[in-house]
Amino acid sequence: MTSSYINHIKRLRSDSKNGRLAFEITVILIIKVILLWTIWTLFFSHPVAKDSRQAAVTKIILNKTQ
């Protein structure tokens, strides 16, 4: 299935001006999805446990090291 998508993208790239536009949009969308996934993985995939949130917020606000 992946090879059919790759073949379709290759055909779009070799077509006329509209094909080139479709190819560029496809590449930009793929890059955007990869970047969004990376941001989610780095910042949102490991949330603080509900019990620990209050302690973490208090620690940040009061600037306690312990």
PDB file of N, CA and C in Angstrom:
ATOM      1  N   MET A   1       0.829  -1.191   0.000  1.00  0.00           N
ATOM      2  CA  MET A   1       0.000   0.000   0.000  1.00  0.00           C
ATOM      3  C   MET A   1       0.873   1.255   0.000  1.00  0.00           C
ATOM      4  N   THR A   2       1.945   1.214   0.767  1.00  0.00           N
ATOM      5  CA  THR A   2       2.848   2.365   0.824  1.00  0.00           C
ATOM      6  C   THR A   2       3.495   2.603  -0.531  1.00  0.00           C
ATOM      7  N   SER A   3       3.832   1.532  -1.232  1.00  0.00           N
ATOM      8  CA  SER A   3       4.469   1.691  -2.536  1.00  0.00           C
ATOM      9  C   SER A   3       3.525   2.357  -3.544  1.00  0.00           C
ATOM     10  N   SER A   4       2.225   2.109  -3.421  1.00  0.00           N
ATOM     11  CA  SER A   4       1.286   2.764  -4.339  1.00  0.00           C
ATOM     12  C   SER A   4       1.228   4.270  -4.065  1.00  0.00           C
ATOM     13  N   TYR A   5       1.324   4.648  -2.772  1.00  0.00           N
ATOM     14  CA  TYR A   5       1.367   6.074  -2.442  1.00  0.00           C
ATOM     15  C   TYR A   5       2.631   6.716  -2.990  1.00  0.00           C
ATOM     16  N   ILE A   6       3.744   6.019  -2.857  1.00  0.00           N
ATOM     17  CA  ILE A   6       5.017   6.558  -3.358  1.00  0.00           C
ATOM     18  C   ILE A   6       4.970   6.690  -4.867  1.00  0.00           C
ATOM     19  N   ASN A   7       4.414   5.697  -5.547  1.00  0.00           N
ATOM     20  CA  ASN A   7       4.294   5.785  -7.010  1.00  0.00           C
ATOM     21  C   ASN A   7       3.387   6.938  -7.418  1.00  0.00           C
ATOM     22  N   HIS A   8       2.310   7.153  -6.668  1.00  0.00           N
ATOM     23  CA  HIS A   8       1.400   8.268  -6.963  1.00  0.00           C
ATOM     24  C   HIS A   8       2.119   9.606  -6.789  1.00  0.00           C
ATOM     25  N   ILE A   9       2.906   9.733  -5.736  1.00  0.00           N
ATOM     26  CA  ILE A   9       3.654  10.973  -5.496  1.00  0.00           C
ATOM     27  C   ILE A   9       4.678  11.201  -6.599  1.00  0.00           C
ATOM     28  N   LYS A  10       5.344  10.132  -7.046  1.00  0.00           N
ATOM     29  CA  LYS A  10       6.312  10.269  -8.144  1.00  0.00           C
ATOM     30  C   LYS A  10       5.612  10.737  -9.421  1.00  0.00           C
ATOM     31  N   ARG A  11       4.405  10.194  -9.686  1.00  0.00           N
ATOM     32  CA  ARG A  11       3.655  10.627 -10.864  1.00  0.00           C
ATOM     33  C   ARG A  11       3.245  12.095 -10.761  1.00  0.00           C
ATOM     34  N   LEU A  12       2.830  12.514  -9.571  1.00  0.00           N
ATOM     35  CA  LEU A  12       2.449  13.918  -9.376  1.00  0.00           C
ATOM     36  C   LEU A  12       3.636  14.843  -9.633  1.00  0.00           C
ATOM     37  N   ARG A  13       4.795  14.450  -9.175  1.00  0.00           N
ATOM     38  CA  ARG A  13       5.976  15.283  -9.331  1.00  0.00           C
ATOM     39  C   ARG A  13       6.362  15.444 -10.797  1.00  0.00           C
ATOM     40  N   SER A  14       6.168  14.411 -11.577  1.00  0.00           N
ATOM     41  CA  SER A  14       6.572  14.474 -12.977  1.00  0.00           C
ATOM     42  C   SER A  14       5.500  15.081 -13.880  1.00  0.00           C
ATOM     43  N   ASP A  15       4.295  15.311 -13.381  1.00  0.00           N
ATOM     44  CA  ASP A  15       3.223  15.885 -14.187  1.00  0.00           C
ATOM     45  C   ASP A  15       3.441  17.382 -14.402  1.00  0.00           C
ATOM     46  N   SER A  16       2.410  18.038 -14.867  1.00  0.00           N
ATOM     47  CA  SER A  16       2.466  19.467 -15.183  1.00  0.00           C
ATOM     48  C   SER A  16       2.592  20.310 -13.915  1.00  0.00           C
ATOM     49  N   LYS A  17       2.325  21.600 -14.067  1.00  0.00           N
ATOM     50  CA  LYS A  17       2.446  22.548 -12.962  1.00  0.00           C
ATOM     51  C   LYS A  17       1.525  22.172 -11.799  1.00  0.00           C
ATOM     52  N   ASN A  18       0.299  21.736 -12.095  1.00  0.00           N
ATOM     53  CA  ASN A  18      -0.626  21.337 -11.035  1.00  0.00           C
ATOM     54  C   ASN A  18      -0.099  20.129 -10.269  1.00  0.00           C
ATOM     55  N   GLY A  19       0.567  19.237 -10.974  1.00  0.00           N
ATOM     56  CA  GLY A  19       1.160  18.081 -10.321  1.00  0.00           C
ATOM     57  C   GLY A  19       2.269  18.490  -9.377  1.00  0.00           C
ATOM     58  N   ARG A  20       3.050  19.470  -9.783  1.00  0.00           N
ATOM     59  CA  ARG A  20       4.132  19.959  -8.921  1.00  0.00           C
ATOM     60  C   ARG A  20       3.555  20.619  -7.672  1.00  0.00           C
ATOM     61  N   LEU A  21       2.482  21.370  -7.845  1.00  0.00           N
ATOM     62  CA  LEU A  21       1.829  22.009  -6.698  1.00  0.00           C
ATOM     63  C   LEU A  21       1.304  20.950  -5.732  1.00  0.00           C
ATOM     64  N   ALA A  22       0.669  19.916  -6.262  1.00  0.00           N
ATOM     65  CA  ALA A  22       0.161  18.838  -5.416  1.00  0.00           C
ATOM     66  C   ALA A  22       1.304  18.131  -4.695  1.00  0.00           C
ATOM     67  N   PHE A  23       2.414  17.941  -5.380  1.00  0.00           N
ATOM     68  CA  PHE A  23       3.583  17.311  -4.762  1.00  0.00           C
ATOM     69  C   PHE A  23       4.117  18.174  -3.620  1.00  0.00           C
ATOM     70  N   GLU A  24       4.234  19.479  -3.846  1.00  0.00           N
ATOM     71  CA  GLU A  24       4.746  20.373  -2.801  1.00  0.00           C
ATOM     72  C   GLU A  24       3.812  20.414  -1.594  1.00  0.00           C
ATOM     73  N   ILE A  25       2.510  20.445  -1.836  1.00  0.00           N
ATOM     74  CA  ILE A  25       1.544  20.445  -0.736  1.00  0.00           C
ATOM     75  C   ILE A  25       1.644  19.139   0.048  1.00  0.00           C
ATOM     76  N   THR A  26       1.790  18.020  -0.651  1.00  0.00           N
ATOM     77  CA  THR A  26       1.922  16.727   0.011  1.00  0.00           C
ATOM     78  C   THR A  26       3.165  16.685   0.900  1.00  0.00           C
ATOM     79  N   VAL A  27       4.276  17.168   0.388  1.00  0.00           N
ATOM     80  CA  VAL A  27       5.514  17.172   1.161  1.00  0.00           C
ATOM     81  C   VAL A  27       5.376  18.070   2.387  1.00  0.00           C
ATOM     82  N   ILE A  28       4.786  19.233   2.215  1.00  0.00           N
ATOM     83  CA  ILE A  28       4.602  20.159   3.340  1.00  0.00           C
ATOM     84  C   ILE A  28       3.696  19.534   4.399  1.00  0.00           C
ATOM     85  N   LEU A  29       2.626  18.868   3.992  1.00  0.00           N
ATOM     86  CA  LEU A  29       1.729  18.222   4.954  1.00  0.00           C
ATOM     87  C   LEU A  29       2.424  17.089   5.706  1.00  0.00           C
ATOM     88  N   ILE A  30       3.250  16.331   5.014  1.00  0.00           N
ATOM     89  CA  ILE A  30       3.994  15.254   5.680  1.00  0.00           C
ATOM     90  C   ILE A  30       4.951  15.831   6.712  1.00  0.00           C
ATOM     91  N   ILE A  31       5.656  16.896   6.363  1.00  0.00           N
ATOM     92  CA  ILE A  31       6.572  17.546   7.302  1.00  0.00           C
ATOM     93  C   ILE A  31       5.803  18.097   8.495  1.00  0.00           C
ATOM     94  N   LYS A  32       4.651  18.683   8.248  1.00  0.00           N
ATOM     95  CA  LYS A  32       3.833  19.246   9.324  1.00  0.00           C
ATOM     96  C   LYS A  32       3.369  18.166  10.287  1.00  0.00           C
ATOM     97  N   VAL A  33       2.938  17.033   9.770  1.00  0.00           N
ATOM     98  CA  VAL A  33       2.503  15.931  10.630  1.00  0.00           C
ATOM     99  C   VAL A  33       3.669  15.431  11.476  1.00  0.00           C
ATOM    100  N   ILE A  34       4.846  15.312  10.885  1.00  0.00           N
ATOM    101  CA  ILE A  34       6.021  14.858  11.629  1.00  0.00           C
ATOM    102  C   ILE A  34       6.368  15.849  12.731  1.00  0.00           C
ATOM    103  N   LEU A  35       6.328  17.142  12.440  1.00  0.00           N
ATOM    104  CA  LEU A  35       6.635  18.154  13.450  1.00  0.00           C
ATOM    105  C   LEU A  35       5.603  18.153  14.573  1.00  0.00           C
ATOM    106  N   LEU A  36       4.320  18.036  14.244  1.00  0.00           N
ATOM    107  CA  LEU A  36       3.277  17.982  15.275  1.00  0.00           C
ATOM    108  C   LEU A  36       3.432  16.752  16.156  1.00  0.00           C
ATOM    109  N   TRP A  37       3.767  15.622  15.568  1.00  0.00           N
ATOM    110  CA  TRP A  37       3.989  14.413  16.343  1.00  0.00           C
ATOM    111  C   TRP A  37       5.185  14.586  17.280  1.00  0.00           C
ATOM    112  N   THR A  38       6.245  15.217  16.790  1.00  0.00           N
ATOM    113  CA  THR A  38       7.432  15.455  17.613  1.00  0.00           C
ATOM    114  C   THR A  38       7.112  16.369  18.789  1.00  0.00           C
ATOM    115  N   ILE A  39       6.381  17.439  18.531  1.00  0.00           N
ATOM    116  CA  ILE A  39       5.999  18.361  19.606  1.00  0.00           C
ATOM    117  C   ILE A  39       5.134  17.638  20.637  1.00  0.00           C
ATOM    118  N   TRP A  40       4.181  16.838  20.184  1.00  0.00           N
ATOM    119  CA  TRP A  40       3.328  16.105  21.111  1.00  0.00           C
ATOM    120  C   TRP A  40       4.158  15.143  21.949  1.00  0.00           C
ATOM    121  N   THR A  41       5.086  14.434  21.305  1.00  0.00           N
ATOM    122  CA  THR A  41       5.914  13.476  22.022  1.00  0.00           C
ATOM    123  C   THR A  41       6.775  14.158  23.069  1.00  0.00           C
ATOM    124  N   LEU A  42       7.355  15.299  22.731  1.00  0.00           N
ATOM    125  CA  LEU A  42       8.257  15.976  23.658  1.00  0.00           C
ATOM    126  C   LEU A  42       7.532  16.632  24.824  1.00  0.00           C
ATOM    127  N   PHE A  43       6.371  17.218  24.585  1.00  0.00           N
ATOM    128  CA  PHE A  43       5.745  18.057  25.604  1.00  0.00           C
ATOM    129  C   PHE A  43       4.464  17.499  26.221  1.00  0.00           C
ATOM    130  N   PHE A  44       3.736  16.633  25.545  1.00  0.00           N
ATOM    131  CA  PHE A  44       2.418  16.253  26.027  1.00  0.00           C
ATOM    132  C   PHE A  44       2.225  14.758  26.274  1.00  0.00           C
ATOM    133  N   SER A  45       3.160  13.919  25.933  1.00  0.00           N
ATOM    134  CA  SER A  45       2.935  12.487  26.066  1.00  0.00           C
ATOM    135  C   SER A  45       3.194  11.955  27.474  1.00  0.00           C
ATOM    136  N   HIS A  46       3.814  12.753  28.335  1.00  0.00           N
ATOM    137  CA  HIS A  46       4.099  12.309  29.701  1.00  0.00           C
ATOM    138  C   HIS A  46       3.523  13.298  30.706  1.00  0.00           C
ATOM    139  N   PRO A  47       2.210  13.301  30.880  1.00  0.00           N
ATOM    140  CA  PRO A  47       1.618  14.265  31.808  1.00  0.00           C
ATOM    141  C   PRO A  47       1.931  13.912  33.261  1.00  0.00           C
ATOM    142  N   VAL A  48       1.855  14.910  34.093  1.00  0.00           N
ATOM    143  CA  VAL A  48       2.074  14.715  35.519  1.00  0.00           C
ATOM    144  C   VAL A  48       0.839  14.023  36.094  1.00  0.00           C
ATOM    145  N   ALA A  49       1.071  13.069  36.986  1.00  0.00           N
ATOM    146  CA  ALA A  49      -0.047  12.357  37.608  1.00  0.00           C
ATOM    147  C   ALA A  49      -0.919  13.339  38.380  1.00  0.00           C
ATOM    148  N   LYS A  50      -2.204  13.052  38.443  1.00  0.00           N
ATOM    149  CA  LYS A  50      -3.153  13.963  39.068  1.00  0.00           C
ATOM    150  C   LYS A  50      -2.792  14.242  40.531  1.00  0.00           C
ATOM    151  N   ASP A  51      -2.313  13.226  41.239  1.00  0.00           N
ATOM    152  CA  ASP A  51      -1.945  13.402  42.641  1.00  0.00           C
ATOM    153  C   ASP A  51      -0.720  14.310  42.805  1.00  0.00           C
ATOM    154  N   SER A  52       0.158  14.302  41.838  1.00  0.00           N
ATOM    155  CA  SER A  52       1.413  15.049  41.948  1.00  0.00           C
ATOM    156  C   SER A  52       1.313  16.483  41.438  1.00  0.00           C
ATOM    157  N   ARG A  53       0.223  16.831  40.779  1.00  0.00           N
ATOM    158  CA  ARG A  53       0.106  18.170  40.184  1.00  0.00           C
ATOM    159  C   ARG A  53       0.197  19.275  41.223  1.00  0.00           C
ATOM    160  N   GLN A  54      -0.546  19.141  42.314  1.00  0.00           N
ATOM    161  CA  GLN A  54      -0.555  20.185  43.331  1.00  0.00           C
ATOM    162  C   GLN A  54       0.826  20.363  43.930  1.00  0.00           C
ATOM    163  N   ALA A  55       1.495  19.283  44.223  1.00  0.00           N
ATOM    164  CA  ALA A  55       2.843  19.370  44.789  1.00  0.00           C
ATOM    165  C   ALA A  55       3.810  19.998  43.791  1.00  0.00           C
ATOM    166  N   ALA A  56       3.672  19.652  42.520  1.00  0.00           N
ATOM    167  CA  ALA A  56       4.563  20.201  41.505  1.00  0.00           C
ATOM    168  C   ALA A  56       4.338  21.701  41.334  1.00  0.00           C
ATOM    169  N   VAL A  57       3.082  22.131  41.325  1.00  0.00           N
ATOM    170  CA  VAL A  57       2.770  23.555  41.173  1.00  0.00           C
ATOM    171  C   VAL A  57       3.269  24.333  42.384  1.00  0.00           C
ATOM    172  N   THR A  58       3.058  23.793  43.563  1.00  0.00           N
ATOM    173  CA  THR A  58       3.525  24.456  44.777  1.00  0.00           C
ATOM    174  C   THR A  58       5.045  24.568  44.778  1.00  0.00           C
ATOM    175  N   LYS A  59       5.697  23.524  44.359  1.00  0.00           N
ATOM    176  CA  LYS A  59       7.167  23.520  44.301  1.00  0.00           C
ATOM    177  C   LYS A  59       7.674  24.587  43.337  1.00  0.00           C
ATOM    178  N   ILE A  60       7.011  24.743  42.196  1.00  0.00           N
ATOM    179  CA  ILE A  60       7.425  25.737  41.196  1.00  0.00           C
ATOM    180  C   ILE A  60       7.161  27.146  41.721  1.00  0.00           C
ATOM    181  N   ILE A  61       5.992  27.372  42.299  1.00  0.00           N
ATOM    182  CA  ILE A  61       5.630  28.700  42.759  1.00  0.00           C
ATOM    183  C   ILE A  61       6.513  29.154  43.915  1.00  0.00           C
ATOM    184  N   LEU A  62       6.745  28.269  44.869  1.00  0.00           N
ATOM    185  CA  LEU A  62       7.531  28.632  46.051  1.00  0.00           C
ATOM    186  C   LEU A  62       9.038  28.459  45.817  1.00  0.00           C
ATOM    187  N   ASN A  63       9.412  27.926  44.677  1.00  0.00           N
ATOM    188  CA  ASN A  63      10.810  27.751  44.295  1.00  0.00           C
ATOM    189  C   ASN A  63      11.551  26.918  45.331  1.00  0.00           C
ATOM    190  N   LYS A  64      10.932  25.858  45.752  1.00  0.00           N
ATOM    191  CA  LYS A  64      11.564  24.958  46.709  1.00  0.00           C
ATOM    192  C   LYS A  64      12.371  23.915  45.957  1.00  0.00           C
ATOM    193  N   THR A  65      13.534  23.586  46.485  1.00  0.00           N
ATOM    194  CA  THR A  65      14.364  22.574  45.847  1.00  0.00           C
ATOM    195  C   THR A  65      13.953  21.175  46.266  1.00  0.00           C
ATOM    196  N   GLN A  66      13.275  21.010  47.355  1.00  0.00           N
ATOM    197  CA  GLN A  66      12.865  19.701  47.843  1.00  0.00           C
ATOM    198  C   GLN A  66      11.442  19.423  47.516  1.00  0.00           C
TER     199      GLN A  66
END
